[in-house]
Amino acid sequence: MRFASILLLAAVGGFLLWGSGDLPQRGDPESPASTGISTYYIQNAYHDSDTPNMVTAVLADYRGFDTFGEAVVVTAAALSCLVILLRRRRREDGSETGVFPDLDGDAPGGAA
């Protein structure tokens, strides 16, 4: 099992190193990410949005729906964590434990 794990790790690492050879150089103005729509954003962000910050213009004006969707996903994840962490548990006798067992006196050594 250990040999298979090392072999898989080496294969994935080799694949990543091989694939990184096709990445453009940092700061290359002719890379695919730097051509096209990003040039429009850089040239027209202040004029189109009337905001003093280009990052704010891109996040709030050009990509507003995408940013809102990301905020909804993060909020849903946080609420899901709260529901899981703060749920009440049933004891064997049918009664429920409190949300915070140590404060409710349900845990060993807790206040009764």
Protein backbone atom coordinates (compact mmCIF):
# COMPACT_ATOMS: atom_id res chain seq x y z
CA MET A 1 0.00 0.00 0.00
CA ARG A 2 2.83 2.39 0.88
CA PHE A 3 4.57 1.72 -2.44
CA ALA A 4 1.34 2.40 -4.35
CA SER A 5 0.88 5.70 -2.51
CA ILE A 6 4.42 6.81 -3.31
CA LEU A 7 4.00 5.76 -6.93
CA LEU A 8 0.73 7.69 -7.22
CA LEU A 9 2.32 10.75 -5.59
CA ALA A 10 5.25 10.61 -8.02
CA ALA A 11 2.91 10.23 -11.00
CA VAL A 12 0.74 13.20 -9.98
CA GLY A 13 3.81 15.31 -9.20
CA GLY A 14 5.36 14.44 -12.56
CA PHE A 15 2.12 15.30 -14.36
CA LEU A 16 1.95 18.69 -12.61
CA LEU A 17 5.58 19.48 -13.44
CA TRP A 18 5.03 18.46 -17.07
CA GLY A 19 1.88 20.62 -17.30
CA SER A 20 3.54 23.65 -15.74
CA GLY A 21 5.81 23.90 -18.79
CA ASP A 22 2.85 25.20 -20.83
CA LEU A 23 2.04 28.05 -18.43
CA PRO A 24 2.88 31.59 -19.62
CA GLN A 25 5.64 33.57 -17.93
CA ARG A 26 4.62 35.84 -15.05
CA GLY A 27 3.63 39.31 -16.20
CA ASP A 28 3.52 38.37 -19.88
CA PRO A 29 1.30 41.00 -21.58
CA GLU A 30 0.64 38.61 -24.48
CA SER A 31 -0.65 35.73 -22.34
CA PRO A 32 -4.26 34.62 -22.90
CA ALA A 33 -5.31 36.02 -19.52
CA SER A 34 -3.91 39.46 -20.37
CA THR A 35 -5.56 39.81 -23.76
CA GLY A 36 -9.23 40.20 -24.53
CA ILE A 37 -11.64 41.45 -21.90
CA SER A 38 -9.05 42.31 -19.24
CA THR A 39 -7.68 45.06 -21.48
CA TYR A 40 -11.17 46.56 -21.66
CA TYR A 41 -11.51 46.43 -17.86
CA ILE A 42 -8.19 48.19 -17.34
CA GLN A 43 -8.93 50.93 -19.86
CA ASN A 44 -12.59 51.60 -18.98
CA ALA A 45 -13.04 50.68 -15.30
CA TYR A 46 -12.97 54.25 -14.00
CA HIS A 47 -15.15 55.65 -16.80
CA ASP A 48 -17.83 52.92 -16.74
CA SER A 49 -18.28 52.62 -12.99
CA ASP A 50 -17.31 56.01 -11.51
CA THR A 51 -15.45 54.27 -8.68
CA PRO A 52 -11.97 55.33 -7.55
CA ASN A 53 -10.72 51.74 -7.29
CA MET A 54 -10.32 49.33 -10.20
CA VAL A 55 -10.76 46.25 -8.01
CA THR A 56 -14.07 47.60 -6.72
CA ALA A 57 -15.18 48.34 -10.27
CA VAL A 58 -14.44 44.79 -11.42
CA LEU A 59 -15.95 43.04 -8.38
CA ALA A 60 -19.02 45.23 -7.90
CA ASP A 61 -19.91 46.39 -11.40
CA TYR A 62 -18.58 43.97 -13.99
CA ARG A 63 -18.81 40.78 -11.91
CA GLY A 64 -21.57 41.72 -9.48
CA PHE A 65 -23.73 38.63 -9.98
CA ASP A 66 -20.73 36.32 -9.67
CA THR A 67 -19.61 38.04 -6.45
CA PHE A 68 -23.16 37.80 -5.08
CA GLY A 69 -23.26 34.10 -5.92
CA GLU A 70 -19.98 33.51 -4.09
CA ALA A 71 -21.34 35.35 -1.04
CA VAL A 72 -24.47 33.16 -1.09
CA VAL A 73 -22.37 29.97 -1.22
CA VAL A 74 -20.17 31.10 1.70
CA THR A 75 -23.26 32.07 3.73
CA ALA A 76 -24.93 28.72 3.02
CA ALA A 77 -21.78 26.88 4.09
CA ALA A 78 -21.58 28.88 7.33
CA LEU A 79 -25.24 28.24 8.14
CA SER A 80 -24.81 24.52 7.40
CA CYS A 81 -21.87 24.37 9.82
CA LEU A 82 -23.94 26.10 12.50
CA VAL A 83 -26.83 23.68 12.02
CA ILE A 84 -24.50 20.70 12.33
CA LEU A 85 -22.53 22.04 15.30
CA LEU A 86 -25.46 23.40 17.32
CA ARG A 87 -27.98 20.59 16.92
CA ARG A 88 -29.47 19.00 19.99
CA ARG A 89 -28.72 15.37 20.72
CA ARG A 90 -31.09 12.83 22.26
CA ARG A 91 -29.96 10.84 25.25
CA GLU A 92 -30.77 7.19 25.79
CA ASP A 93 -33.56 8.14 28.22
CA GLY A 94 -35.29 10.27 25.54
CA SER A 95 -34.37 13.69 26.90
CA GLU A 96 -32.35 16.15 24.83
CA THR A 97 -28.99 17.64 25.64
CA GLY A 98 -28.53 21.38 25.46
CA VAL A 99 -26.75 23.26 22.76
CA PHE A 100 -23.74 23.76 25.03
CA PRO A 101 -23.56 20.65 27.25
CA ASP A 102 -20.86 22.06 29.56
CA LEU A 103 -22.99 25.10 30.40
CA ASP A 104 -26.22 23.14 30.78
CA GLY A 105 -24.73 20.70 33.30
CA ASP A 106 -25.01 17.76 30.91
CA ALA A 107 -21.30 16.96 30.71
CA PRO A 108 -19.29 15.28 33.44
CA GLY A 109 -18.04 17.91 35.84
CA GLY A 110 -20.56 20.50 34.59
CA ALA A 111 -22.71 22.63 36.85
CA ALA A 112 -25.86 20.80 37.86
